[in-house]
Amino acid sequence: MASQAGFMISKIKRIGDRIFQKKLEKADISAFNGAQGKLLYILWQRDGISAAELAGQAGLAVTTLTSMLDRMEHAGLILREPDPNDRRKTKLVLTDRVKGLKEQYERLSDDMTDVYLRGFSPEEAAQLENYLGRVLKNLEEEESNE
């Protein structure tokens, strides 16, 4: 019997993304969508990084990220500013408007974690994270070998 792990991971992501988007809408956070929220989450941790750094942390190609950043800049979520230490580089900086949404976004993210792990013991949750970490490592290794 073939494993359904890849199919299940894809389905979990799709359904999880839809649920999270509904939570954002219910909380009246219409400033950004779930995909943009994942990028903002990284920037909330490290404001002022380059697009290449953001792409690496998000696991996205820079070409994919560029159009997302254009939309986010147009929506007033981020600013592109010259790097004072290297004129060839541009830093991505959060606007004040988005900085104020960090706590609310983190609460919703915690709610999603609760949904994902409902019915799991702490030991089972840790074991699941370990397994997912191994899957992620396998994928990253495969990607770097291509």
N, C-alpha and C. Protein backbone atom coordinates (compact mmCIF):
# COMPACT_ATOMS: atom_id res chain seq x y z
N MET A 1 0.85 -1.19 0.00
CA MET A 1 0.00 0.00 0.00
C MET A 1 0.89 1.25 0.00
N ALA A 2 0.59 2.16 -0.89
CA ALA A 2 1.36 3.40 -0.99
C ALA A 2 1.01 4.33 0.17
N SER A 3 2.03 5.07 0.61
CA SER A 3 1.82 6.04 1.69
C SER A 3 1.04 7.24 1.16
N GLN A 4 0.21 7.76 2.01
CA GLN A 4 -0.58 8.94 1.66
C GLN A 4 -0.06 10.19 2.38
N ALA A 5 1.15 10.10 2.93
CA ALA A 5 1.68 11.21 3.73
C ALA A 5 1.75 12.52 2.95
N GLY A 6 2.29 12.49 1.74
CA GLY A 6 2.39 13.72 0.95
C GLY A 6 1.03 14.32 0.66
N PHE A 7 0.08 13.47 0.27
CA PHE A 7 -1.28 13.93 0.01
C PHE A 7 -1.89 14.56 1.26
N MET A 8 -1.69 13.89 2.41
CA MET A 8 -2.27 14.40 3.65
C MET A 8 -1.64 15.73 4.05
N ILE A 9 -0.32 15.86 3.87
CA ILE A 9 0.35 17.12 4.20
C ILE A 9 -0.20 18.25 3.34
N SER A 10 -0.37 18.00 2.04
CA SER A 10 -0.92 19.01 1.14
C SER A 10 -2.34 19.39 1.53
N LYS A 11 -3.15 18.41 1.86
CA LYS A 11 -4.53 18.67 2.24
C LYS A 11 -4.60 19.44 3.57
N ILE A 12 -3.75 19.06 4.52
CA ILE A 12 -3.69 19.78 5.80
C ILE A 12 -3.36 21.25 5.56
N LYS A 13 -2.39 21.51 4.70
CA LYS A 13 -2.01 22.89 4.40
C LYS A 13 -3.17 23.66 3.79
N ARG A 14 -3.83 23.09 2.80
CA ARG A 14 -4.94 23.78 2.12
C ARG A 14 -6.07 24.10 3.10
N ILE A 15 -6.49 23.10 3.88
CA ILE A 15 -7.59 23.32 4.82
C ILE A 15 -7.16 24.28 5.92
N GLY A 16 -5.94 24.11 6.44
CA GLY A 16 -5.43 25.01 7.48
C GLY A 16 -5.38 26.44 7.01
N ASP A 17 -4.94 26.65 5.76
CA ASP A 17 -4.88 28.01 5.20
C ASP A 17 -6.28 28.62 5.12
N ARG A 18 -7.27 27.83 4.70
CA ARG A 18 -8.65 28.35 4.61
C ARG A 18 -9.19 28.72 5.99
N ILE A 19 -8.95 27.87 6.97
CA ILE A 19 -9.42 28.15 8.33
C ILE A 19 -8.74 29.41 8.87
N PHE A 20 -7.43 29.52 8.66
CA PHE A 20 -6.71 30.69 9.17
C PHE A 20 -7.20 31.96 8.50
N GLN A 21 -7.47 31.91 7.19
CA GLN A 21 -8.00 33.08 6.48
C GLN A 21 -9.34 33.50 7.08
N LYS A 22 -10.19 32.53 7.42
CA LYS A 22 -11.48 32.84 8.04
C LYS A 22 -11.28 33.48 9.41
N LYS A 23 -10.29 32.99 10.16
CA LYS A 23 -9.99 33.58 11.47
C LYS A 23 -9.52 35.03 11.32
N LEU A 24 -8.70 35.29 10.30
CA LEU A 24 -8.25 36.65 10.04
C LEU A 24 -9.45 37.55 9.73
N GLU A 25 -10.34 37.07 8.88
CA GLU A 25 -11.53 37.85 8.50
C GLU A 25 -12.43 38.09 9.70
N LYS A 26 -12.64 37.05 10.53
CA LYS A 26 -13.48 37.19 11.73
C LYS A 26 -12.91 38.22 12.70
N ALA A 27 -11.58 38.27 12.78
CA ALA A 27 -10.91 39.21 13.68
C ALA A 27 -10.81 40.59 13.05
N ASP A 28 -11.37 40.73 11.84
CA ASP A 28 -11.37 41.98 11.10
C ASP A 28 -9.95 42.45 10.79
N ILE A 29 -9.10 41.49 10.50
CA ILE A 29 -7.75 41.82 10.03
C ILE A 29 -7.79 41.64 8.52
N SER A 30 -8.19 42.68 7.84
CA SER A 30 -8.31 42.59 6.39
C SER A 30 -7.11 43.25 5.71
N ALA A 31 -6.14 43.67 6.51
CA ALA A 31 -4.97 44.35 5.94
C ALA A 31 -4.12 43.41 5.10
N PHE A 32 -4.18 42.11 5.40
CA PHE A 32 -3.35 41.16 4.67
C PHE A 32 -4.00 39.79 4.67
N ASN A 33 -3.56 38.94 3.75
CA ASN A 33 -4.07 37.57 3.71
C ASN A 33 -3.12 36.63 4.44
N GLY A 34 -3.48 35.37 4.52
CA GLY A 34 -2.68 34.40 5.26
C GLY A 34 -1.28 34.25 4.73
N ALA A 35 -1.12 34.21 3.41
CA ALA A 35 0.21 34.07 2.82
C ALA A 35 1.08 35.27 3.16
N GLN A 36 0.50 36.46 3.09
CA GLN A 36 1.25 37.67 3.45
C GLN A 36 1.56 37.66 4.94
N GLY A 37 0.64 37.13 5.74
CA GLY A 37 0.85 37.06 7.18
C GLY A 37 2.07 36.24 7.54
N LYS A 38 2.32 35.19 6.78
CA LYS A 38 3.50 34.36 7.05
C LYS A 38 4.78 35.17 6.79
N LEU A 39 4.76 36.01 5.78
CA LEU A 39 5.92 36.87 5.51
C LEU A 39 6.05 37.94 6.59
N LEU A 40 4.91 38.52 6.97
CA LEU A 40 4.94 39.54 8.02
C LEU A 40 5.44 38.95 9.33
N TYR A 41 5.06 37.70 9.61
CA TYR A 41 5.52 37.05 10.84
C TYR A 41 7.05 37.02 10.88
N ILE A 42 7.66 36.68 9.75
CA ILE A 42 9.13 36.66 9.68
C ILE A 42 9.67 38.07 9.90
N LEU A 43 9.04 39.06 9.28
CA LEU A 43 9.51 40.44 9.42
C LEU A 43 9.28 40.98 10.83
N TRP A 44 8.23 40.51 11.51
CA TRP A 44 8.03 40.93 12.90
C TRP A 44 9.19 40.44 13.76
N GLN A 45 9.78 39.32 13.40
CA GLN A 45 10.92 38.80 14.15
C GLN A 45 12.21 39.53 13.79
N ARG A 46 12.34 39.89 12.49
CA ARG A 46 13.58 40.51 11.99
C ARG A 46 13.24 41.58 10.97
N ASP A 47 12.76 42.69 11.42
CA ASP A 47 12.43 43.81 10.54
C ASP A 47 13.71 44.35 9.90
N GLY A 48 13.63 44.71 8.63
CA GLY A 48 14.77 45.32 7.96
C GLY A 48 15.68 44.34 7.24
N ILE A 49 15.19 43.13 6.96
CA ILE A 49 16.02 42.18 6.21
C ILE A 49 15.81 42.35 4.71
N SER A 50 16.66 41.72 3.92
CA SER A 50 16.55 41.82 2.47
C SER A 50 15.50 40.83 1.95
N ALA A 51 15.09 41.03 0.72
CA ALA A 51 14.14 40.11 0.08
C ALA A 51 14.75 38.71 -0.02
N ALA A 52 16.04 38.63 -0.30
CA ALA A 52 16.69 37.32 -0.40
C ALA A 52 16.65 36.59 0.94
N GLU A 53 16.90 37.32 2.04
CA GLU A 53 16.83 36.70 3.37
C GLU A 53 15.40 36.25 3.67
N LEU A 54 14.44 37.09 3.34
CA LEU A 54 13.03 36.74 3.57
C LEU A 54 12.65 35.51 2.76
N ALA A 55 13.07 35.47 1.51
CA ALA A 55 12.77 34.33 0.65
C ALA A 55 13.34 33.05 1.26
N GLY A 56 14.56 33.12 1.73
CA GLY A 56 15.19 31.96 2.34
C GLY A 56 14.46 31.47 3.56
N GLN A 57 14.07 32.39 4.42
CA GLN A 57 13.36 32.01 5.64
C GLN A 57 11.95 31.51 5.35
N ALA A 58 11.33 32.03 4.31
CA ALA A 58 9.97 31.63 3.96
C ALA A 58 9.94 30.39 3.08
N GLY A 59 11.10 30.02 2.54
CA GLY A 59 11.15 28.87 1.65
C GLY A 59 10.54 29.16 0.29
N LEU A 60 10.65 30.41 -0.16
CA LEU A 60 10.09 30.82 -1.45
C LEU A 60 11.20 31.28 -2.38
N ALA A 61 10.95 31.16 -3.66
CA ALA A 61 11.88 31.71 -4.64
C ALA A 61 11.76 33.23 -4.63
N VAL A 62 12.87 33.92 -4.83
CA VAL A 62 12.86 35.38 -4.84
C VAL A 62 11.89 35.90 -5.91
N THR A 63 11.82 35.22 -7.05
CA THR A 63 10.91 35.65 -8.12
C THR A 63 9.45 35.57 -7.68
N THR A 64 9.11 34.55 -6.91
CA THR A 64 7.75 34.41 -6.38
C THR A 64 7.48 35.51 -5.36
N LEU A 65 8.46 35.76 -4.54
CA LEU A 65 8.32 36.74 -3.46
C LEU A 65 8.17 38.16 -3.98
N THR A 66 8.82 38.49 -5.08
CA THR A 66 8.84 39.86 -5.59
C THR A 66 7.44 40.39 -5.84
N SER A 67 6.59 39.62 -6.50
CA SER A 67 5.23 40.10 -6.77
C SER A 67 4.42 40.22 -5.48
N MET A 68 4.65 39.31 -4.52
CA MET A 68 3.97 39.43 -3.23
C MET A 68 4.39 40.71 -2.52
N LEU A 69 5.69 41.01 -2.56
CA LEU A 69 6.19 42.22 -1.91
C LEU A 69 5.65 43.48 -2.59
N ASP A 70 5.51 43.44 -3.92
CA ASP A 70 4.92 44.57 -4.64
C ASP A 70 3.51 44.85 -4.12
N ARG A 71 2.71 43.79 -3.99
CA ARG A 71 1.33 43.95 -3.49
C ARG A 71 1.32 44.43 -2.04
N MET A 72 2.24 43.91 -1.23
CA MET A 72 2.29 44.31 0.17
C MET A 72 2.72 45.77 0.31
N GLU A 73 3.64 46.20 -0.54
CA GLU A 73 4.06 47.59 -0.51
C GLU A 73 2.91 48.50 -0.96
N HIS A 74 2.23 48.10 -2.01
CA HIS A 74 1.09 48.88 -2.52
C HIS A 74 -0.02 48.98 -1.46
N ALA A 75 -0.19 47.93 -0.65
CA ALA A 75 -1.22 47.92 0.40
C ALA A 75 -0.78 48.65 1.66
N GLY A 76 0.44 49.17 1.67
CA GLY A 76 0.91 49.92 2.84
C GLY A 76 1.35 49.03 4.00
N LEU A 77 1.75 47.80 3.70
CA LEU A 77 2.19 46.88 4.74
C LEU A 77 3.70 46.96 4.99
N ILE A 78 4.45 47.17 3.92
CA ILE A 78 5.91 47.25 4.03
C ILE A 78 6.43 48.43 3.23
N LEU A 79 7.66 48.80 3.52
CA LEU A 79 8.39 49.80 2.74
C LEU A 79 9.69 49.16 2.28
N ARG A 80 10.14 49.55 1.12
CA ARG A 80 11.48 49.14 0.66
C ARG A 80 12.38 50.35 0.86
N GLU A 81 13.43 50.17 1.64
CA GLU A 81 14.34 51.26 1.93
C GLU A 81 15.76 50.85 1.56
N PRO A 82 16.56 51.81 1.09
CA PRO A 82 17.96 51.48 0.78
C PRO A 82 18.71 51.08 2.05
N ASP A 83 19.57 50.11 1.92
CA ASP A 83 20.40 49.67 3.03
C ASP A 83 21.52 50.69 3.20
N PRO A 84 21.62 51.34 4.37
CA PRO A 84 22.65 52.37 4.55
C PRO A 84 24.07 51.81 4.50
N ASN A 85 24.22 50.50 4.72
CA ASN A 85 25.54 49.88 4.71
C ASN A 85 25.95 49.36 3.34
N ASP A 86 24.99 49.24 2.42
CA ASP A 86 25.28 48.69 1.10
C ASP A 86 24.26 49.25 0.11
N ARG A 87 24.66 50.21 -0.70
CA ARG A 87 23.73 50.89 -1.61
C ARG A 87 23.10 49.95 -2.63
N ARG A 88 23.70 48.78 -2.86
CA ARG A 88 23.15 47.83 -3.83
C ARG A 88 21.97 47.06 -3.25
N LYS A 89 21.80 47.10 -1.94
CA LYS A 89 20.76 46.30 -1.27
C LYS A 89 19.59 47.16 -0.83
N THR A 90 18.44 46.50 -0.72
CA THR A 90 17.22 47.14 -0.22
C THR A 90 16.73 46.35 0.98
N LYS A 91 16.31 47.07 2.00
CA LYS A 91 15.77 46.43 3.20
C LYS A 91 14.24 46.49 3.14
N LEU A 92 13.59 45.47 3.70
CA LEU A 92 12.14 45.45 3.82
C LEU A 92 11.80 45.87 5.25
N VAL A 93 11.00 46.93 5.36
CA VAL A 93 10.68 47.50 6.66
C VAL A 93 9.16 47.53 6.83
N LEU A 94 8.71 47.12 7.99
CA LEU A 94 7.27 47.12 8.29
C LEU A 94 6.78 48.54 8.54
N THR A 95 5.56 48.80 8.11
CA THR A 95 4.94 50.09 8.41
C THR A 95 4.39 50.05 9.84
N ASP A 96 4.16 51.22 10.42
CA ASP A 96 3.61 51.30 11.77
C ASP A 96 2.26 50.60 11.84
N ARG A 97 1.48 50.73 10.79
CA ARG A 97 0.14 50.12 10.74
C ARG A 97 0.23 48.61 10.99
N VAL A 98 1.19 47.95 10.36
CA VAL A 98 1.32 46.50 10.49
C VAL A 98 1.98 46.11 11.80
N LYS A 99 2.88 46.93 12.29
CA LYS A 99 3.53 46.62 13.57
C LYS A 99 2.48 46.46 14.67
N GLY A 100 1.41 47.24 14.59
CA GLY A 100 0.35 47.18 15.60
C GLY A 100 -0.51 45.93 15.53
N LEU A 101 -0.40 45.15 14.47
CA LEU A 101 -1.22 43.94 14.32
C LEU A 101 -0.50 42.67 14.80
N LYS A 102 0.74 42.81 15.21
CA LYS A 102 1.54 41.64 15.57
C LYS A 102 0.90 40.79 16.66
N GLU A 103 0.49 41.40 17.77
CA GLU A 103 -0.06 40.64 18.89
C GLU A 103 -1.35 39.91 18.48
N GLN A 104 -2.20 40.58 17.74
CA GLN A 104 -3.45 39.97 17.31
C GLN A 104 -3.17 38.78 16.37
N TYR A 105 -2.22 38.94 15.47
CA TYR A 105 -1.86 37.86 14.56
C TYR A 105 -1.29 36.67 15.34
N GLU A 106 -0.46 36.95 16.33
CA GLU A 106 0.12 35.87 17.12
C GLU A 106 -0.95 35.11 17.90
N ARG A 107 -1.97 35.81 18.39
CA ARG A 107 -3.08 35.13 19.08
C ARG A 107 -3.81 34.18 18.12
N LEU A 108 -4.06 34.66 16.90
CA LEU A 108 -4.73 33.82 15.92
C LEU A 108 -3.86 32.63 15.52
N SER A 109 -2.57 32.86 15.43
CA SER A 109 -1.64 31.79 15.11
C SER A 109 -1.64 30.73 16.22
N ASP A 110 -1.67 31.19 17.47
CA ASP A 110 -1.77 30.27 18.61
C ASP A 110 -3.08 29.48 18.56
N ASP A 111 -4.17 30.15 18.17
CA ASP A 111 -5.46 29.46 18.01
C ASP A 111 -5.34 28.34 16.99
N MET A 112 -4.65 28.62 15.88
CA MET A 112 -4.47 27.60 14.85
C MET A 112 -3.65 26.42 15.38
N THR A 113 -2.63 26.70 16.17
CA THR A 113 -1.84 25.62 16.76
C THR A 113 -2.73 24.75 17.63
N ASP A 114 -3.62 25.39 18.39
CA ASP A 114 -4.57 24.64 19.22
C ASP A 114 -5.47 23.76 18.37
N VAL A 115 -5.90 24.26 17.22
CA VAL A 115 -6.75 23.46 16.32
C VAL A 115 -5.94 22.27 15.80
N TYR A 116 -4.73 22.53 15.32
CA TYR A 116 -3.91 21.45 14.78
C TYR A 116 -3.64 20.35 15.80
N LEU A 117 -3.42 20.75 17.04
CA LEU A 117 -2.98 19.79 18.06
C LEU A 117 -4.09 19.36 19.02
N ARG A 118 -5.33 19.69 18.69
CA ARG A 118 -6.46 19.30 19.54
C ARG A 118 -6.47 17.77 19.70
N GLY A 119 -6.56 17.33 20.96
CA GLY A 119 -6.62 15.90 21.25
C GLY A 119 -5.25 15.23 21.36
N PHE A 120 -4.18 15.97 21.11
CA PHE A 120 -2.83 15.42 21.24
C PHE A 120 -2.32 15.66 22.66
N SER A 121 -1.64 14.68 23.21
CA SER A 121 -0.95 14.90 24.48
C SER A 121 0.30 15.73 24.18
N PRO A 122 0.88 16.36 25.19
CA PRO A 122 2.13 17.11 24.95
C PRO A 122 3.22 16.23 24.32
N GLU A 123 3.28 14.98 24.75
CA GLU A 123 4.28 14.07 24.19
C GLU A 123 4.00 13.79 22.71
N GLU A 124 2.73 13.59 22.37
CA GLU A 124 2.36 13.34 20.97
C GLU A 124 2.64 14.56 20.11
N ALA A 125 2.36 15.75 20.65
CA ALA A 125 2.62 16.98 19.90
C ALA A 125 4.12 17.12 19.63
N ALA A 126 4.94 16.83 20.63
CA ALA A 126 6.39 16.91 20.45
C ALA A 126 6.86 15.87 19.43
N GLN A 127 6.29 14.69 19.48
CA GLN A 127 6.65 13.64 18.53
C GLN A 127 6.25 14.03 17.11
N LEU A 128 5.07 14.61 16.95
CA LEU A 128 4.63 15.07 15.63
C LEU A 128 5.59 16.12 15.10
N GLU A 129 5.95 17.10 15.92
CA GLU A 129 6.89 18.13 15.48
C GLU A 129 8.23 17.52 15.09
N ASN A 130 8.66 16.51 15.81
CA ASN A 130 9.91 15.83 15.47
C ASN A 130 9.78 15.18 14.09
N TYR A 131 8.69 14.47 13.85
CA TYR A 131 8.48 13.81 12.56
C TYR A 131 8.41 14.83 11.43
N LEU A 132 7.67 15.91 11.65
CA LEU A 132 7.56 16.94 10.61
C LEU A 132 8.91 17.60 10.35
N GLY A 133 9.69 17.79 11.39
CA GLY A 133 11.03 18.34 11.23
C GLY A 133 11.90 17.44 10.37
N ARG A 134 11.75 16.14 10.55
CA ARG A 134 12.51 15.19 9.74
C ARG A 134 12.06 15.24 8.29
N VAL A 135 10.75 15.32 8.06
CA VAL A 135 10.23 15.44 6.70
C VAL A 135 10.79 16.70 6.05
N LEU A 136 10.74 17.82 6.78
CA LEU A 136 11.25 19.08 6.26
C LEU A 136 12.73 18.97 5.91
N LYS A 137 13.50 18.37 6.78
CA LYS A 137 14.94 18.18 6.53
C LYS A 137 15.15 17.36 5.26
N ASN A 138 14.39 16.28 5.09
CA ASN A 138 14.50 15.46 3.89
C ASN A 138 14.22 16.28 2.63
N LEU A 139 13.18 17.10 2.69
CA LEU A 139 12.82 17.91 1.54
C LEU A 139 13.89 18.96 1.23
N GLU A 140 14.41 19.60 2.28
CA GLU A 140 15.45 20.62 2.08
C GLU A 140 16.72 19.99 1.49
N GLU A 141 17.07 18.80 1.96
CA GLU A 141 18.24 18.10 1.41
C GLU A 141 18.01 17.76 -0.06
N GLU A 142 16.82 17.27 -0.37
CA GLU A 142 16.51 16.91 -1.76
C GLU A 142 16.56 18.14 -2.66
N GLU A 143 16.01 19.24 -2.17
CA GLU A 143 16.01 20.48 -2.95
C GLU A 143 17.44 20.95 -3.21
N SER A 144 18.30 20.86 -2.22
CA SER A 144 19.68 21.34 -2.40
C SER A 144 20.48 20.42 -3.32
N ASN A 145 20.04 19.18 -3.50
CA ASN A 145 20.73 18.24 -4.39
C ASN A 145 20.31 18.38 -5.84
N GLU A 146 19.26 19.13 -6.10
CA GLU A 146 18.76 19.27 -7.48
C GLU A 146 19.46 20.36 -8.23
